[in-house]
C-alpha atoms as a PDB file:
ATOM      1  CA  UNK A   1     -34.166 -13.873 -29.425  1.00  0.00           C
ATOM      2  CA  UNK A   2     -33.188 -10.716 -29.734  1.00  0.00           C
ATOM      3  CA  UNK A   3     -35.676  -9.501 -26.854  1.00  0.00           C
ATOM      4  CA  UNK A   4     -33.230 -11.496 -24.289  1.00  0.00           C
ATOM      5  CA  UNK A   5     -30.341 -11.092 -25.286  1.00  0.00           C
ATOM      6  CA  UNK A   6     -30.961  -6.818 -24.796  1.00  0.00           C
ATOM      7  CA  UNK A   7     -31.947  -6.253 -21.925  1.00  0.00           C
ATOM      8  CA  UNK A   8     -28.838  -9.010 -20.375  1.00  0.00           C
ATOM      9  CA  UNK A   9     -26.351  -6.361 -22.226  1.00  0.00           C
ATOM     10  CA  UNK A  10     -27.792  -3.617 -20.823  1.00  0.00           C
ATOM     11  CA  UNK A  11     -28.473  -4.776 -17.185  1.00  0.00           C
ATOM     12  CA  UNK A  12     -24.258  -6.353 -18.007  1.00  0.00           C
ATOM     13  CA  UNK A  13     -23.525  -2.663 -19.388  1.00  0.00           C
ATOM     14  CA  UNK A  14     -25.083  -1.191 -15.932  1.00  0.00           C
ATOM     15  CA  UNK A  15     -23.407  -3.135 -13.899  1.00  0.00           C
ATOM     16  CA  UNK A  16     -19.979  -3.019 -14.535  1.00  0.00           C
ATOM     17  CA  UNK A  17     -20.113   0.475 -14.406  1.00  0.00           C
ATOM     18  CA  UNK A  18     -21.740   0.882 -11.301  1.00  0.00           C
ATOM     19  CA  UNK A  19     -20.095  -1.902  -9.304  1.00  0.00           C
ATOM     20  CA  UNK A  20     -16.764  -1.617 -11.544  1.00  0.00           C
ATOM     21  CA  UNK A  21     -16.144   2.480 -12.334  1.00  0.00           C
ATOM     22  CA  UNK A  22     -18.325   3.887  -9.763  1.00  0.00           C
ATOM     23  CA  UNK A  23     -18.269   2.579  -6.850  1.00  0.00           C
ATOM     24  CA  UNK A  24     -14.308   1.841  -6.611  1.00  0.00           C
ATOM     25  CA  UNK A  25     -13.722   4.891  -7.904  1.00  0.00           C
ATOM     26  CA  UNK A  26     -16.363   6.317  -4.859  1.00  0.00           C
ATOM     27  CA  UNK A  27     -14.228   4.361  -2.371  1.00  0.00           C
ATOM     28  CA  UNK A  28     -11.090   5.286  -3.574  1.00  0.00           C
ATOM     29  CA  UNK A  29     -12.146   9.400  -3.431  1.00  0.00           C
ATOM     30  CA  UNK A  30     -13.906   8.894   0.444  1.00  0.00           C
ATOM     31  CA  UNK A  31     -11.395   7.327   1.678  1.00  0.00           C
ATOM     32  CA  UNK A  32      -8.379   9.631   0.335  1.00  0.00           C
ATOM     33  CA  UNK A  33     -10.736  12.223   1.660  1.00  0.00           C
ATOM     34  CA  UNK A  34     -10.849  10.424   4.674  1.00  0.00           C
ATOM     35  CA  UNK A  35      -7.533   8.554   6.103  1.00  0.00           C
ATOM     36  CA  UNK A  36      -5.129  10.144   3.086  1.00  0.00           C
ATOM     37  CA  UNK A  37      -2.190   8.542   5.339  1.00  0.00           C
ATOM     38  CA  UNK A  38      -3.800   4.606   5.502  1.00  0.00           C
ATOM     39  CA  UNK A  39      -5.664   4.964   1.643  1.00  0.00           C
ATOM     40  CA  UNK A  40      -2.254   5.492   0.720  1.00  0.00           C
ATOM     41  CA  UNK A  41      -0.540   3.194   2.114  1.00  0.00           C
ATOM     42  CA  UNK A  42       1.108   4.257   5.285  1.00  0.00           C
ATOM     43  CA  UNK A  43       4.137   5.460   3.965  1.00  0.00           C
ATOM     44  CA  UNK A  44       6.702   7.192   5.900  1.00  0.00           C
ATOM     45  CA  UNK A  45       8.736   9.424   4.582  1.00  0.00           C
ATOM     46  CA  UNK A  46      11.919  11.528   5.773  1.00  0.00           C
ATOM     47  CA  UNK A  47      12.915  14.007   4.434  1.00  0.00           C
ATOM     48  CA  UNK A  48      11.194  14.327   0.946  1.00  0.00           C
ATOM     49  CA  UNK A  49      11.830  10.239   0.526  1.00  0.00           C
ATOM     50  CA  UNK A  50       9.589   7.827   1.345  1.00  0.00           C
ATOM     51  CA  UNK A  51      11.713   5.089   3.671  1.00  0.00           C
ATOM     52  CA  UNK A  52       9.078   2.600   4.251  1.00  0.00           C
ATOM     53  CA  UNK A  53       5.206   1.437   5.028  1.00  0.00           C
ATOM     54  CA  UNK A  54       4.449   0.970   8.263  1.00  0.00           C
ATOM     55  CA  UNK A  55       1.637  -2.086   7.048  1.00  0.00           C
ATOM     56  CA  UNK A  56       5.256  -3.653   5.521  1.00  0.00           C
ATOM     57  CA  UNK A  57       8.284  -5.266   7.917  1.00  0.00           C
ATOM     58  CA  UNK A  58      11.777  -4.592   5.192  1.00  0.00           C
ATOM     59  CA  UNK A  59      14.577  -6.878   5.547  1.00  0.00           C
ATOM     60  CA  UNK A  60      17.101  -5.423   8.540  1.00  0.00           C
ATOM     61  CA  UNK A  61      20.638  -6.723   8.848  1.00  0.00           C
ATOM     62  CA  UNK A  62      23.294  -4.811  10.057  1.00  0.00           C
ATOM     63  CA  UNK A  63      24.030  -5.383  14.634  1.00  0.00           C
ATOM     64  CA  UNK A  64      23.250  -1.220  14.745  1.00  0.00           C
ATOM     65  CA  UNK A  65      19.198  -1.745  14.045  1.00  0.00           C
ATOM     66  CA  UNK A  66      16.722  -3.874  15.162  1.00  0.00           C
ATOM     67  CA  UNK A  67      15.654  -7.131  13.488  1.00  0.00           C
ATOM     68  CA  UNK A  68      12.152  -8.405  12.132  1.00  0.00           C
ATOM     69  CA  UNK A  69      10.829 -11.179  11.800  1.00  0.00           C
ATOM     70  CA  UNK A  70      11.904 -14.037   9.029  1.00  0.00           C
ATOM     71  CA  UNK A  71      10.238 -14.009   5.931  1.00  0.00           C
ATOM     72  CA  UNK A  72       8.851 -16.465   3.723  1.00  0.00           C
ATOM     73  CA  UNK A  73       7.713 -14.030   1.051  1.00  0.00           C
ATOM     74  CA  UNK A  74      10.245 -14.108  -2.159  1.00  0.00           C
ATOM     75  CA  UNK A  75      13.407 -12.616  -1.109  1.00  0.00           C
ATOM     76  CA  UNK A  76      13.344 -10.865   2.261  1.00  0.00           C
ATOM     77  CA  UNK A  77      10.215  -9.296   2.911  1.00  0.00           C
ATOM     78  CA  UNK A  78       9.559  -8.101  -0.623  1.00  0.00           C
ATOM     79  CA  UNK A  79       6.292  -8.246  -0.833  1.00  0.00           C
ATOM     80  CA  UNK A  80       4.849  -8.408  -4.793  1.00  0.00           C
ATOM     81  CA  UNK A  81       5.168 -12.001  -3.681  1.00  0.00           C
ATOM     82  CA  UNK A  82       3.706 -11.545  -0.621  1.00  0.00           C
ATOM     83  CA  UNK A  83       2.502 -15.859   0.987  1.00  0.00           C
ATOM     84  CA  UNK A  84       4.183 -17.553   3.391  1.00  0.00           C
ATOM     85  CA  UNK A  85       6.803 -20.589   2.759  1.00  0.00           C
ATOM     86  CA  UNK A  86       3.621 -23.736   3.085  1.00  0.00           C
ATOM     87  CA  UNK A  87       5.701 -25.446   4.710  1.00  0.00           C
ATOM     88  CA  UNK A  88       3.391 -27.692   7.077  1.00  0.00           C
ATOM     89  CA  UNK A  89       4.950 -28.206  11.607  1.00  0.00           C
ATOM     90  CA  UNK A  90       6.566 -31.820  10.097  1.00  0.00           C
ATOM     91  CA  UNK A  91       8.792 -30.600   7.399  1.00  0.00           C
ATOM     92  CA  UNK A  92      12.071 -30.611   8.119  1.00  0.00           C
ATOM     93  CA  UNK A  93      12.973 -27.544   5.574  1.00  0.00           C
ATOM     94  CA  UNK A  94      11.034 -25.135   7.689  1.00  0.00           C
ATOM     95  CA  UNK A  95      12.299 -27.786  11.491  1.00  0.00           C
ATOM     96  CA  UNK A  96      15.982 -27.201   9.918  1.00  0.00           C
ATOM     97  CA  UNK A  97      15.965 -23.247   9.768  1.00  0.00           C
ATOM     98  CA  UNK A  98      13.855 -22.586  13.465  1.00  0.00           C
ATOM     99  CA  UNK A  99      16.554 -25.243  14.658  1.00  0.00           C
ATOM    100  CA  UNK A 100      19.772 -22.373  12.960  1.00  0.00           C
ATOM    101  CA  UNK A 101      17.494 -19.362  14.326  1.00  0.00           C
ATOM    102  CA  UNK A 102      17.148 -20.789  17.460  1.00  0.00           C
ATOM    103  CA  UNK A 103      21.040 -22.161  17.635  1.00  0.00           C
ATOM    104  CA  UNK A 104      22.473 -18.056  17.234  1.00  0.00           C
ATOM    105  CA  UNK A 105      19.936 -16.511  18.997  1.00  0.00           C
ATOM    106  CA  UNK A 106      21.251 -19.249  22.062  1.00  0.00           C
ATOM    107  CA  UNK A 107      24.579 -18.518  20.733  1.00  0.00           C
ATOM    108  CA  UNK A 108      24.261 -15.494  21.646  1.00  0.00           C
ATOM    109  CA  UNK A 109      22.753 -15.705  25.339  1.00  0.00           C
ATOM    110  CA  UNK A 110      18.992 -15.471  24.861  1.00  0.00           C
ATOM    111  CA  UNK A 111      18.446 -17.921  27.379  1.00  0.00           C
ATOM    112  CA  UNK A 112      14.083 -18.037  26.220  1.00  0.00           C
ATOM    113  CA  UNK A 113      13.716 -16.360  22.359  1.00  0.00           C
ATOM    114  CA  UNK A 114      10.066 -15.717  21.109  1.00  0.00           C
ATOM    115  CA  UNK A 115       8.646 -17.915  18.898  1.00  0.00           C
ATOM    116  CA  UNK A 116       8.556 -14.615  16.503  1.00  0.00           C
ATOM    117  CA  UNK A 117      12.162 -13.836  16.269  1.00  0.00           C
ATOM    118  CA  UNK A 118      12.248 -17.920  14.448  1.00  0.00           C
ATOM    119  CA  UNK A 119       8.791 -18.722  12.858  1.00  0.00           C
ATOM    120  CA  UNK A 120       7.816 -15.971  10.004  1.00  0.00           C
ATOM    121  CA  UNK A 121       4.359 -14.421  10.222  1.00  0.00           C
ATOM    122  CA  UNK A 122       1.483 -16.253   7.373  1.00  0.00           C
ATOM    123  CA  UNK A 123       2.295 -12.864   5.098  1.00  0.00           C
ATOM    124  CA  UNK A 124       5.919 -13.205   5.122  1.00  0.00           C
ATOM    125  CA  UNK A 125       5.315  -8.959   5.943  1.00  0.00           C
ATOM    126  CA  UNK A 126       4.721  -8.716   9.877  1.00  0.00           C
ATOM    127  CA  UNK A 127       6.494  -5.054   9.950  1.00  0.00           C
ATOM    128  CA  UNK A 128       5.884  -5.545  13.641  1.00  0.00           C
ATOM    129  CA  UNK A 129       8.053  -7.878  16.437  1.00  0.00           C
ATOM    130  CA  UNK A 130       7.218  -9.048  20.089  1.00  0.00           C
ATOM    131  CA  UNK A 131       8.648  -6.261  22.707  1.00  0.00           C
ATOM    132  CA  UNK A 132       9.821  -9.981  24.146  1.00  0.00           C
ATOM    133  CA  UNK A 133      11.786  -9.997  20.874  1.00  0.00           C
ATOM    134  CA  UNK A 134      12.344  -6.409  20.807  1.00  0.00           C
ATOM    135  CA  UNK A 135      14.488  -6.985  24.327  1.00  0.00           C
ATOM    136  CA  UNK A 136      16.491 -10.079  23.463  1.00  0.00           C
ATOM    137  CA  UNK A 137      18.204  -7.531  20.133  1.00  0.00           C
ATOM    138  CA  UNK A 138      18.490  -4.484  23.074  1.00  0.00           C
ATOM    139  CA  UNK A 139      22.197  -5.957  24.088  1.00  0.00           C
ATOM    140  CA  UNK A 140      23.674  -6.003  20.703  1.00  0.00           C
ATOM    141  CA  UNK A 141      21.746  -2.809  18.648  1.00  0.00           C
ATOM    142  CA  UNK A 142      23.979  -0.883  22.263  1.00  0.00           C
ATOM    143  CA  UNK A 143      26.748  -2.488  21.600  1.00  0.00           C
ATOM    144  CA  UNK A 144      26.914  -1.504  17.580  1.00  0.00           C
ATOM    145  CA  UNK A 145      26.638   1.277  18.642  1.00  0.00           C
ATOM    146  CA  UNK A 146      28.727   2.280  21.928  1.00  0.00           C
ATOM    147  CA  UNK A 147      24.815   3.004  23.260  1.00  0.00           C
ATOM    148  CA  UNK A 148      23.526   3.047  27.628  1.00  0.00           C
ATOM    149  CA  UNK A 149      21.515  -0.522  27.025  1.00  0.00           C
ATOM    150  CA  UNK A 150      19.005   1.083  29.746  1.00  0.00           C
ATOM    151  CA  UNK A 151      18.448   3.865  26.928  1.00  0.00           C
ATOM    152  CA  UNK A 152      17.709   0.837  23.947  1.00  0.00           C
ATOM    153  CA  UNK A 153      15.686  -0.802  26.085  1.00  0.00           C
ATOM    154  CA  UNK A 154      13.691   2.481  27.022  1.00  0.00           C
ATOM    155  CA  UNK A 155      13.211   2.661  22.599  1.00  0.00           C
ATOM    156  CA  UNK A 156      12.165  -0.138  22.901  1.00  0.00           C
ATOM    157  CA  UNK A 157       9.224  -0.181  25.334  1.00  0.00           C
ATOM    158  CA  UNK A 158       8.296   3.785  24.626  1.00  0.00           C
ATOM    159  CA  UNK A 159       7.928   2.575  20.542  1.00  0.00           C
ATOM    160  CA  UNK A 160       5.996  -0.640  22.506  1.00  0.00           C
ATOM    161  CA  UNK A 161       2.120  -0.810  21.109  1.00  0.00           C
ATOM    162  CA  UNK A 162      -0.687  -1.990  23.531  1.00  0.00           C
ATOM    163  CA  UNK A 163      -2.432  -4.903  21.609  1.00  0.00           C
ATOM    164  CA  UNK A 164      -6.211  -3.361  21.667  1.00  0.00           C
ATOM    165  CA  UNK A 165      -6.439  -6.357  18.934  1.00  0.00           C
ATOM    166  CA  UNK A 166      -4.322  -9.164  19.550  1.00  0.00           C
ATOM    167  CA  UNK A 167      -0.438  -9.555  21.690  1.00  0.00           C
ATOM    168  CA  UNK A 168       1.545  -6.527  21.858  1.00  0.00           C
ATOM    169  CA  UNK A 169       3.610  -5.127  19.211  1.00  0.00           C
ATOM    170  CA  UNK A 170       6.119  -2.726  18.451  1.00  0.00           C
ATOM    171  CA  UNK A 171       7.330  -1.864  14.370  1.00  0.00           C
ATOM    172  CA  UNK A 172      10.831  -2.710  13.438  1.00  0.00           C
ATOM    173  CA  UNK A 173      10.878   0.406  11.194  1.00  0.00           C
ATOM    174  CA  UNK A 174       9.337   2.822  13.132  1.00  0.00           C
ATOM    175  CA  UNK A 175      11.657   1.643  16.298  1.00  0.00           C
ATOM    176  CA  UNK A 176      15.171   1.897  14.102  1.00  0.00           C
ATOM    177  CA  UNK A 177      13.982   6.124  13.047  1.00  0.00           C
ATOM    178  CA  UNK A 178      13.739   5.988  17.514  1.00  0.00           C
ATOM    179  CA  UNK A 179      17.125   4.689  17.058  1.00  0.00           C
ATOM    180  CA  UNK A 180      18.829   6.536  14.319  1.00  0.00           C
ATOM    181  CA  UNK A 181      17.203  10.017  15.785  1.00  0.00           C
ATOM    182  CA  UNK A 182      19.055   9.136  19.179  1.00  0.00           C
ATOM    183  CA  UNK A 183      22.104   8.602  17.122  1.00  0.00           C
ATOM    184  CA  UNK A 184      21.664  11.886  15.733  1.00  0.00           C
ATOM    185  CA  UNK A 185      20.630  13.623  18.859  1.00  0.00           C
ATOM    186  CA  UNK A 186      17.839  14.617  18.713  1.00  0.00           C
ATOM    187  CA  UNK A 187      14.760  14.670  20.890  1.00  0.00           C
ATOM    188  CA  UNK A 188      12.289  12.602  18.226  1.00  0.00           C
END
């Protein structure tokens, strides 16, 4: 019996060491060398302080900023319990929330409402919105900041990333950082 158990334990130890320790350390080290920004979470640092990640949305509530998609993750973009709401298309709770969001956007003057303005992404943490949703918010943001709408609209256009894979998108954190640079007179 020992002749069968000893090779099994040796193999278990070797494979655990190889696949559980050596391989992850090698890949982590390679990522740190080749793509350090991405390997460390694509963090955005301003004045030595981490203000967010390009990969995770944030809960923007002020009229002075562009708002992201609704989030179903925990308490608004909480990455710990990230997941969708798990509410199906026939869910009364989901339909009521979407209807409230659509009504609020229409009350603010929106003729058409982009889907991402009222629906959460699968993870609930999507940092991007469609250019249509960003443009829908231009007048609110410009008014709250006392800025020219054309200038804010150009900021949205400049922040729009072509969808090499998928649709064009606007990263809300980067767009709002551009707004702050605009307000502070930076050329950013």
